[in-house]
Amino acid sequence: IGRVTSGSYAPFLEKNIAMAYVTP
């Protein structure tokens, strides 16, 4: 239903996060 556009380990939040476009 979509694809990741940016993703990384978040050093301050200490989580793995991403932005992605998906079906609304």
mmCIF file of all heavy atoms, coordinates in Angstrom:
data_MODEL
# 
_entry.id   MODEL 
# 
loop_
_atom_site.group_PDB 
_atom_site.id 
_atom_site.type_symbol 
_atom_site.label_atom_id 
_atom_site.label_alt_id 
_atom_site.label_comp_id 
_atom_site.label_asym_id 
_atom_site.label_entity_id 
_atom_site.label_seq_id 
_atom_site.pdbx_PDB_ins_code 
_atom_site.Cartn_x 
_atom_site.Cartn_y 
_atom_site.Cartn_z 
_atom_site.occupancy 
_atom_site.B_iso_or_equiv 
_atom_site.pdbx_formal_charge 
_atom_site.auth_seq_id 
_atom_site.auth_comp_id 
_atom_site.auth_asym_id 
_atom_site.auth_atom_id 
_atom_site.pdbx_PDB_model_num 
ATOM 1   N N   . ILE A 1 1  ? 0.835  -1.223 0.000  1.00 0.00 ? 1  ILE A N   1 
ATOM 2   C CA  . ILE A 1 1  ? 0.000  0.000  0.000  1.00 0.00 ? 1  ILE A CA  1 
ATOM 3   C C   . ILE A 1 1  ? 0.863  1.264  0.000  1.00 0.00 ? 1  ILE A C   1 
ATOM 4   O O   . ILE A 1 1  ? 0.338  2.372  0.088  1.00 0.00 ? 1  ILE A O   1 
ATOM 5   C CB  . ILE A 1 1  ? -0.960 0.007  1.210  1.00 0.00 ? 1  ILE A CB  1 
ATOM 6   C CG1 . ILE A 1 1  ? -0.233 -0.265 2.538  1.00 0.00 ? 1  ILE A CG1 1 
ATOM 7   C CG2 . ILE A 1 1  ? -2.056 -1.035 1.006  1.00 0.00 ? 1  ILE A CG2 1 
ATOM 8   C CD1 . ILE A 1 1  ? 0.237  0.935  3.272  1.00 0.00 ? 1  ILE A CD1 1 
ATOM 9   N N   . GLY A 1 2  ? 2.186  1.103  -0.125 1.00 0.00 ? 2  GLY A N   1 
ATOM 10  C CA  . GLY A 1 2  ? 3.033  2.274  -0.167 1.00 0.00 ? 2  GLY A CA  1 
ATOM 11  C C   . GLY A 1 2  ? 4.502  1.918  -0.039 1.00 0.00 ? 2  GLY A C   1 
ATOM 12  O O   . GLY A 1 2  ? 4.873  0.735  0.003  1.00 0.00 ? 2  GLY A O   1 
ATOM 13  N N   . ARG A 1 3  ? 5.341  2.968  0.036  1.00 0.00 ? 3  ARG A N   1 
ATOM 14  C CA  . ARG A 1 3  ? 6.788  2.777  0.160  1.00 0.00 ? 3  ARG A CA  1 
ATOM 15  C C   . ARG A 1 3  ? 7.384  3.815  1.102  1.00 0.00 ? 3  ARG A C   1 
ATOM 16  O O   . ARG A 1 3  ? 6.901  4.939  1.194  1.00 0.00 ? 3  ARG A O   1 
ATOM 17  C CB  . ARG A 1 3  ? 7.476  2.884  -1.206 1.00 0.00 ? 3  ARG A CB  1 
ATOM 18  C CG  . ARG A 1 3  ? 7.203  1.702  -2.117 1.00 0.00 ? 3  ARG A CG  1 
ATOM 19  C CD  . ARG A 1 3  ? 8.020  1.738  -3.384 1.00 0.00 ? 3  ARG A CD  1 
ATOM 20  N NE  . ARG A 1 3  ? 7.741  0.566  -4.220 1.00 0.00 ? 3  ARG A NE  1 
ATOM 21  C CZ  . ARG A 1 3  ? 8.370  -0.590 -4.094 1.00 0.00 ? 3  ARG A CZ  1 
ATOM 22  N NH1 . ARG A 1 3  ? 9.337  -0.720 -3.200 1.00 0.00 ? 3  ARG A NH1 1 
ATOM 23  N NH2 . ARG A 1 3  ? 8.056  -1.611 -4.871 1.00 0.00 ? 3  ARG A NH2 1 
ATOM 24  N N   . VAL A 1 4  ? 8.445  3.407  1.772  1.00 0.00 ? 4  VAL A N   1 
ATOM 25  C CA  . VAL A 1 4  ? 9.195  4.299  2.657  1.00 0.00 ? 4  VAL A CA  1 
ATOM 26  C C   . VAL A 1 4  ? 9.942  5.332  1.814  1.00 0.00 ? 4  VAL A C   1 
ATOM 27  O O   . VAL A 1 4  ? 10.515 4.997  0.768  1.00 0.00 ? 4  VAL A O   1 
ATOM 28  C CB  . VAL A 1 4  ? 10.186 3.485  3.523  1.00 0.00 ? 4  VAL A CB  1 
ATOM 29  C CG1 . VAL A 1 4  ? 11.126 4.412  4.286  1.00 0.00 ? 4  VAL A CG1 1 
ATOM 30  C CG2 . VAL A 1 4  ? 9.427  2.568  4.474  1.00 0.00 ? 4  VAL A CG2 1 
ATOM 31  N N   . THR A 1 5  ? 9.943  6.574  2.267  1.00 0.00 ? 5  THR A N   1 
ATOM 32  C CA  . THR A 1 5  ? 10.705 7.637  1.602  1.00 0.00 ? 5  THR A CA  1 
ATOM 33  C C   . THR A 1 5  ? 11.981 7.981  2.362  1.00 0.00 ? 5  THR A C   1 
ATOM 34  O O   . THR A 1 5  ? 12.993 8.309  1.762  1.00 0.00 ? 5  THR A O   1 
ATOM 35  C CB  . THR A 1 5  ? 9.847  8.897  1.450  1.00 0.00 ? 5  THR A CB  1 
ATOM 36  O OG1 . THR A 1 5  ? 9.316  9.275  2.731  1.00 0.00 ? 5  THR A OG1 1 
ATOM 37  C CG2 . THR A 1 5  ? 8.703  8.657  0.483  1.00 0.00 ? 5  THR A CG2 1 
ATOM 38  N N   . SER A 1 6  ? 11.938 7.934  3.690  1.00 0.00 ? 6  SER A N   1 
ATOM 39  C CA  . SER A 1 6  ? 13.109 8.158  4.537  1.00 0.00 ? 6  SER A CA  1 
ATOM 40  C C   . SER A 1 6  ? 12.955 7.310  5.786  1.00 0.00 ? 6  SER A C   1 
ATOM 41  O O   . SER A 1 6  ? 11.854 7.214  6.334  1.00 0.00 ? 6  SER A O   1 
ATOM 42  C CB  . SER A 1 6  ? 13.231 9.630  4.973  1.00 0.00 ? 6  SER A CB  1 
ATOM 43  O OG  . SER A 1 6  ? 13.422 10.503 3.885  1.00 0.00 ? 6  SER A OG  1 
ATOM 44  N N   . GLY A 1 7  ? 14.059 6.727  6.254  1.00 0.00 ? 7  GLY A N   1 
ATOM 45  C CA  . GLY A 1 7  ? 13.992 5.946  7.479  1.00 0.00 ? 7  GLY A CA  1 
ATOM 46  C C   . GLY A 1 7  ? 15.350 5.827  8.133  1.00 0.00 ? 7  GLY A C   1 
ATOM 47  O O   . GLY A 1 7  ? 16.380 5.853  7.458  1.00 0.00 ? 7  GLY A O   1 
ATOM 48  N N   . SER A 1 8  ? 15.340 5.725  9.467  1.00 0.00 ? 8  SER A N   1 
ATOM 49  C CA  . SER A 1 8  ? 16.605 5.681  10.207 1.00 0.00 ? 8  SER A CA  1 
ATOM 50  C C   . SER A 1 8  ? 16.337 5.308  11.657 1.00 0.00 ? 8  SER A C   1 
ATOM 51  O O   . SER A 1 8  ? 15.200 5.348  12.139 1.00 0.00 ? 8  SER A O   1 
ATOM 52  C CB  . SER A 1 8  ? 17.294 7.044  10.149 1.00 0.00 ? 8  SER A CB  1 
ATOM 53  O OG  . SER A 1 8  ? 18.477 7.071  10.932 1.00 0.00 ? 8  SER A OG  1 
ATOM 54  N N   . TYR A 1 9  ? 17.403 4.965  12.343 1.00 0.00 ? 9  TYR A N   1 
ATOM 55  C CA  . TYR A 1 9  ? 17.386 4.977  13.803 1.00 0.00 ? 9  TYR A CA  1 
ATOM 56  C C   . TYR A 1 9  ? 17.392 6.423  14.242 1.00 0.00 ? 9  TYR A C   1 
ATOM 57  O O   . TYR A 1 9  ? 18.172 7.240  13.729 1.00 0.00 ? 9  TYR A O   1 
ATOM 58  C CB  . TYR A 1 9  ? 18.609 4.246  14.356 1.00 0.00 ? 9  TYR A CB  1 
ATOM 59  C CG  . TYR A 1 9  ? 18.762 4.360  15.859 1.00 0.00 ? 9  TYR A CG  1 
ATOM 60  C CD1 . TYR A 1 9  ? 17.885 3.720  16.713 1.00 0.00 ? 9  TYR A CD1 1 
ATOM 61  C CD2 . TYR A 1 9  ? 19.799 5.134  16.401 1.00 0.00 ? 9  TYR A CD2 1 
ATOM 62  C CE1 . TYR A 1 9  ? 18.019 3.831  18.093 1.00 0.00 ? 9  TYR A CE1 1 
ATOM 63  C CE2 . TYR A 1 9  ? 19.945 5.248  17.775 1.00 0.00 ? 9  TYR A CE2 1 
ATOM 64  C CZ  . TYR A 1 9  ? 19.055 4.593  18.619 1.00 0.00 ? 9  TYR A CZ  1 
ATOM 65  O OH  . TYR A 1 9  ? 19.199 4.704  19.983 1.00 0.00 ? 9  TYR A OH  1 
ATOM 66  N N   . ALA A 1 10 ? 16.511 6.785  15.164 1.00 0.00 ? 10 ALA A N   1 
ATOM 67  C CA  . ALA A 1 10 ? 16.408 8.155  15.671 1.00 0.00 ? 10 ALA A CA  1 
ATOM 68  C C   . ALA A 1 10 ? 17.232 8.271  16.950 1.00 0.00 ? 10 ALA A C   1 
ATOM 69  O O   . ALA A 1 10 ? 16.826 7.750  17.994 1.00 0.00 ? 10 ALA A O   1 
ATOM 70  C CB  . ALA A 1 10 ? 14.949 8.510  15.941 1.00 0.00 ? 10 ALA A CB  1 
ATOM 71  N N   . PRO A 1 11 ? 18.383 8.936  16.900 1.00 0.00 ? 11 PRO A N   1 
ATOM 72  C CA  . PRO A 1 11 ? 19.316 8.910  18.035 1.00 0.00 ? 11 PRO A CA  1 
ATOM 73  C C   . PRO A 1 11 ? 18.781 9.500  19.326 1.00 0.00 ? 11 PRO A C   1 
ATOM 74  O O   . PRO A 1 11 ? 19.109 9.012  20.406 1.00 0.00 ? 11 PRO A O   1 
ATOM 75  C CB  . PRO A 1 11 ? 20.506 9.730  17.515 1.00 0.00 ? 11 PRO A CB  1 
ATOM 76  C CG  . PRO A 1 11 ? 20.447 9.587  16.032 1.00 0.00 ? 11 PRO A CG  1 
ATOM 77  C CD  . PRO A 1 11 ? 18.984 9.578  15.718 1.00 0.00 ? 11 PRO A CD  1 
ATOM 78  N N   . PHE A 1 12 ? 17.966 10.548 19.258 1.00 0.00 ? 12 PHE A N   1 
ATOM 79  C CA  . PHE A 1 12 ? 17.452 11.159 20.485 1.00 0.00 ? 12 PHE A CA  1 
ATOM 80  C C   . PHE A 1 12 ? 16.228 10.407 20.995 1.00 0.00 ? 12 PHE A C   1 
ATOM 81  O O   . PHE A 1 12 ? 16.087 10.173 22.197 1.00 0.00 ? 12 PHE A O   1 
ATOM 82  C CB  . PHE A 1 12 ? 17.110 12.628 20.253 1.00 0.00 ? 12 PHE A CB  1 
ATOM 83  C CG  . PHE A 1 12 ? 16.771 13.372 21.522 1.00 0.00 ? 12 PHE A CG  1 
ATOM 84  C CD1 . PHE A 1 12 ? 17.765 13.732 22.412 1.00 0.00 ? 12 PHE A CD1 1 
ATOM 85  C CD2 . PHE A 1 12 ? 15.460 13.701 21.827 1.00 0.00 ? 12 PHE A CD2 1 
ATOM 86  C CE1 . PHE A 1 12 ? 17.465 14.409 23.591 1.00 0.00 ? 12 PHE A CE1 1 
ATOM 87  C CE2 . PHE A 1 12 ? 15.145 14.374 22.994 1.00 0.00 ? 12 PHE A CE2 1 
ATOM 88  C CZ  . PHE A 1 12 ? 16.151 14.729 23.883 1.00 0.00 ? 12 PHE A CZ  1 
ATOM 89  N N   . LEU A 1 13 ? 15.355 10.002 20.098 1.00 0.00 ? 13 LEU A N   1 
ATOM 90  C CA  . LEU A 1 13 ? 14.150 9.268  20.483 1.00 0.00 ? 13 LEU A CA  1 
ATOM 91  C C   . LEU A 1 13 ? 14.452 7.813  20.804 1.00 0.00 ? 13 LEU A C   1 
ATOM 92  O O   . LEU A 1 13 ? 13.646 7.145  21.463 1.00 0.00 ? 13 LEU A O   1 
ATOM 93  C CB  . LEU A 1 13 ? 13.115 9.339  19.357 1.00 0.00 ? 13 LEU A CB  1 
ATOM 94  C CG  . LEU A 1 13 ? 12.612 10.733 18.980 1.00 0.00 ? 13 LEU A CG  1 
ATOM 95  C CD1 . LEU A 1 13 ? 11.657 10.639 17.797 1.00 0.00 ? 13 LEU A CD1 1 
ATOM 96  C CD2 . LEU A 1 13 ? 11.940 11.422 20.156 1.00 0.00 ? 13 LEU A CD2 1 
ATOM 97  N N   . GLU A 1 14 ? 15.579 7.324  20.294 1.00 0.00 ? 14 GLU A N   1 
ATOM 98  C CA  . GLU A 1 14 ? 16.008 5.932  20.484 1.00 0.00 ? 14 GLU A CA  1 
ATOM 99  C C   . GLU A 1 14 ? 14.937 4.961  19.964 1.00 0.00 ? 14 GLU A C   1 
ATOM 100 O O   . GLU A 1 14 ? 14.577 3.982  20.617 1.00 0.00 ? 14 GLU A O   1 
ATOM 101 C CB  . GLU A 1 14 ? 16.342 5.659  21.953 1.00 0.00 ? 14 GLU A CB  1 
ATOM 102 C CG  . GLU A 1 14 ? 17.510 6.525  22.455 1.00 0.00 ? 14 GLU A CG  1 
ATOM 103 C CD  . GLU A 1 14 ? 17.902 6.219  23.882 1.00 0.00 ? 14 GLU A CD  1 
ATOM 104 O OE1 . GLU A 1 14 ? 17.041 5.726  24.640 1.00 0.00 ? 14 GLU A OE1 1 
ATOM 105 O OE2 . GLU A 1 14 ? 19.065 6.477  24.238 1.00 0.00 ? 14 GLU A OE2 1 
ATOM 106 N N   . LYS A 1 15 ? 14.463 5.249  18.764 1.00 0.00 ? 15 LYS A N   1 
ATOM 107 C CA  . LYS A 1 15 ? 13.488 4.400  18.079 1.00 0.00 ? 15 LYS A CA  1 
ATOM 108 C C   . LYS A 1 15 ? 13.868 4.323  16.607 1.00 0.00 ? 15 LYS A C   1 
ATOM 109 O O   . LYS A 1 15 ? 14.594 5.169  16.090 1.00 0.00 ? 15 LYS A O   1 
ATOM 110 C CB  . LYS A 1 15 ? 12.074 4.994  18.196 1.00 0.00 ? 15 LYS A CB  1 
ATOM 111 C CG  . LYS A 1 15 ? 11.548 5.129  19.613 1.00 0.00 ? 15 LYS A CG  1 
ATOM 112 C CD  . LYS A 1 15 ? 10.188 5.820  19.611 1.00 0.00 ? 15 LYS A CD  1 
ATOM 113 C CE  . LYS A 1 15 ? 9.646  5.972  21.021 1.00 0.00 ? 15 LYS A CE  1 
ATOM 114 N NZ  . LYS A 1 15 ? 8.340  6.687  21.035 1.00 0.00 ? 15 LYS A NZ  1 
ATOM 115 N N   . ASN A 1 16 ? 13.343 3.318  15.925 1.00 0.00 ? 16 ASN A N   1 
ATOM 116 C CA  . ASN A 1 16 ? 13.468 3.225  14.476 1.00 0.00 ? 16 ASN A CA  1 
ATOM 117 C C   . ASN A 1 16 ? 12.215 3.837  13.858 1.00 0.00 ? 16 ASN A C   1 
ATOM 118 O O   . ASN A 1 16 ? 11.095 3.402  14.153 1.00 0.00 ? 16 ASN A O   1 
ATOM 119 C CB  . ASN A 1 16 ? 13.636 1.774  14.031 1.00 0.00 ? 16 ASN A CB  1 
ATOM 120 C CG  . ASN A 1 16 ? 14.952 1.180  14.506 1.00 0.00 ? 16 ASN A CG  1 
ATOM 121 O OD1 . ASN A 1 16 ? 15.955 1.882  14.602 1.00 0.00 ? 16 ASN A OD1 1 
ATOM 122 N ND2 . ASN A 1 16 ? 14.953 -0.113 14.819 1.00 0.00 ? 16 ASN A ND2 1 
ATOM 123 N N   . ILE A 1 17 ? 12.408 4.834  13.006 1.00 0.00 ? 17 ILE A N   1 
ATOM 124 C CA  . ILE A 1 17 ? 11.280 5.602  12.472 1.00 0.00 ? 17 ILE A CA  1 
ATOM 125 C C   . ILE A 1 17 ? 11.422 5.761  10.957 1.00 0.00 ? 17 ILE A C   1 
ATOM 126 O O   . ILE A 1 17 ? 12.500 5.554  10.392 1.00 0.00 ? 17 ILE A O   1 
ATOM 127 C CB  . ILE A 1 17 ? 11.160 6.989  13.124 1.00 0.00 ? 17 ILE A CB  1 
ATOM 128 C CG1 . ILE A 1 17 ? 12.437 7.818  12.875 1.00 0.00 ? 17 ILE A CG1 1 
ATOM 129 C CG2 . ILE A 1 17 ? 10.881 6.856  14.630 1.00 0.00 ? 17 ILE A CG2 1 
ATOM 130 C CD1 . ILE A 1 17 ? 12.343 9.264  13.371 1.00 0.00 ? 17 ILE A CD1 1 
ATOM 131 N N   . ALA A 1 18 ? 10.321 6.155  10.321 1.00 0.00 ? 18 ALA A N   1 
ATOM 132 C CA  . ALA A 1 18 ? 10.346 6.364  8.876  1.00 0.00 ? 18 ALA A CA  1 
ATOM 133 C C   . ALA A 1 18 ? 9.192  7.265  8.466  1.00 0.00 ? 18 ALA A C   1 
ATOM 134 O O   . ALA A 1 18 ? 8.196  7.414  9.200  1.00 0.00 ? 18 ALA A O   1 
ATOM 135 C CB  . ALA A 1 18 ? 10.257 5.036  8.132  1.00 0.00 ? 18 ALA A CB  1 
ATOM 136 N N   . MET A 1 19 ? 9.342  7.852  7.294  1.00 0.00 ? 19 MET A N   1 
ATOM 137 C CA  . MET A 1 19 ? 8.226  8.486  6.600  1.00 0.00 ? 19 MET A CA  1 
ATOM 138 C C   . MET A 1 19 ? 7.928  7.653  5.358  1.00 0.00 ? 19 MET A C   1 
ATOM 139 O O   . MET A 1 19 ? 8.841  7.097  4.746  1.00 0.00 ? 19 MET A O   1 
ATOM 140 C CB  . MET A 1 19 ? 8.552  9.930  6.234  1.00 0.00 ? 19 MET A CB  1 
ATOM 141 C CG  . MET A 1 19 ? 8.670  10.853 7.442  1.00 0.00 ? 19 MET A CG  1 
ATOM 142 S SD  . MET A 1 19 ? 8.687  12.626 7.038  1.00 0.00 ? 19 MET A SD  1 
ATOM 143 C CE  . MET A 1 19 ? 10.431 12.871 6.727  1.00 0.00 ? 19 MET A CE  1 
ATOM 144 N N   . ALA A 1 20 ? 6.651  7.571  5.007  1.00 0.00 ? 20 ALA A N   1 
ATOM 145 C CA  . ALA A 1 20 ? 6.263  6.746  3.872  1.00 0.00 ? 20 ALA A CA  1 
ATOM 146 C C   . ALA A 1 20 ? 5.009  7.302  3.219  1.00 0.00 ? 20 ALA A C   1 
ATOM 147 O O   . ALA A 1 20 ? 4.166  7.915  3.888  1.00 0.00 ? 20 ALA A O   1 
ATOM 148 C CB  . ALA A 1 20 ? 6.006  5.305  4.319  1.00 0.00 ? 20 ALA A CB  1 
ATOM 149 N N   . TYR A 1 21 ? 4.898  7.101  1.921  1.00 0.00 ? 21 TYR A N   1 
ATOM 150 C CA  . TYR A 1 21 ? 3.647  7.397  1.220  1.00 0.00 ? 21 TYR A CA  1 
ATOM 151 C C   . TYR A 1 21 ? 2.812  6.126  1.156  1.00 0.00 ? 21 TYR A C   1 
ATOM 152 O O   . TYR A 1 21 ? 3.311  5.055  0.781  1.00 0.00 ? 21 TYR A O   1 
ATOM 153 C CB  . TYR A 1 21 ? 3.913  7.915  -0.191 1.00 0.00 ? 21 TYR A CB  1 
ATOM 154 C CG  . TYR A 1 21 ? 4.221  9.392  -0.208 1.00 0.00 ? 21 TYR A CG  1 
ATOM 155 C CD1 . TYR A 1 21 ? 5.515  9.849  -0.425 1.00 0.00 ? 21 TYR A CD1 1 
ATOM 156 C CD2 . TYR A 1 21 ? 3.218  10.330 0.033  1.00 0.00 ? 21 TYR A CD2 1 
ATOM 157 C CE1 . TYR A 1 21 ? 5.807  11.196 -0.420 1.00 0.00 ? 21 TYR A CE1 1 
ATOM 158 C CE2 . TYR A 1 21 ? 3.495  11.682 0.050  1.00 0.00 ? 21 TYR A CE2 1 
ATOM 159 C CZ  . TYR A 1 21 ? 4.788  12.110 -0.171 1.00 0.00 ? 21 TYR A CZ  1 
ATOM 160 O OH  . TYR A 1 21 ? 5.068  13.455 -0.154 1.00 0.00 ? 21 TYR A OH  1 
ATOM 161 N N   . VAL A 1 22 ? 1.535  6.271  1.530  1.00 0.00 ? 22 VAL A N   1 
ATOM 162 C CA  . VAL A 1 22 ? 0.626  5.133  1.521  1.00 0.00 ? 22 VAL A CA  1 
ATOM 163 C C   . VAL A 1 22 ? -0.705 5.545  0.912  1.00 0.00 ? 22 VAL A C   1 
ATOM 164 O O   . VAL A 1 22 ? -0.993 6.737  0.731  1.00 0.00 ? 22 VAL A O   1 
ATOM 165 C CB  . VAL A 1 22 ? 0.389  4.581  2.949  1.00 0.00 ? 22 VAL A CB  1 
ATOM 166 C CG1 . VAL A 1 22 ? 1.693  4.136  3.585  1.00 0.00 ? 22 VAL A CG1 1 
ATOM 167 C CG2 . VAL A 1 22 ? -0.325 5.617  3.835  1.00 0.00 ? 22 VAL A CG2 1 
ATOM 168 N N   . THR A 1 23 ? -1.526 4.561  0.606  1.00 0.00 ? 23 THR A N   1 
ATOM 169 C CA  . THR A 1 23 ? -2.885 4.809  0.144  1.00 0.00 ? 23 THR A CA  1 
ATOM 170 C C   . THR A 1 23 ? -3.653 5.566  1.231  1.00 0.00 ? 23 THR A C   1 
ATOM 171 O O   . THR A 1 23 ? -3.634 5.160  2.406  1.00 0.00 ? 23 THR A O   1 
ATOM 172 C CB  . THR A 1 23 ? -3.591 3.474  -0.155 1.00 0.00 ? 23 THR A CB  1 
ATOM 173 O OG1 . THR A 1 23 ? -2.799 2.747  -1.093 1.00 0.00 ? 23 THR A OG1 1 
ATOM 174 C CG2 . THR A 1 23 ? -4.985 3.707  -0.704 1.00 0.00 ? 23 THR A CG2 1 
ATOM 175 N N   . PRO A 1 24 ? -4.334 6.669  0.896  1.00 0.00 ? 24 PRO A N   1 
ATOM 176 C CA  . PRO A 1 24 ? -5.002 7.481  1.926  1.00 0.00 ? 24 PRO A CA  1 
ATOM 177 C C   . PRO A 1 24 ? -5.970 6.729  2.812  1.00 0.00 ? 24 PRO A C   1 
ATOM 178 O O   . PRO A 1 24 ? -6.146 7.073  3.980  1.00 0.00 ? 24 PRO A O   1 
ATOM 179 C CB  . PRO A 1 24 ? -5.713 8.562  1.092  1.00 0.00 ? 24 PRO A CB  1 
ATOM 180 C CG  . PRO A 1 24 ? -4.873 8.712  -0.126 1.00 0.00 ? 24 PRO A CG  1 
ATOM 181 C CD  . PRO A 1 24 ? -4.399 7.317  -0.438 1.00 0.00 ? 24 PRO A CD  1 
# 
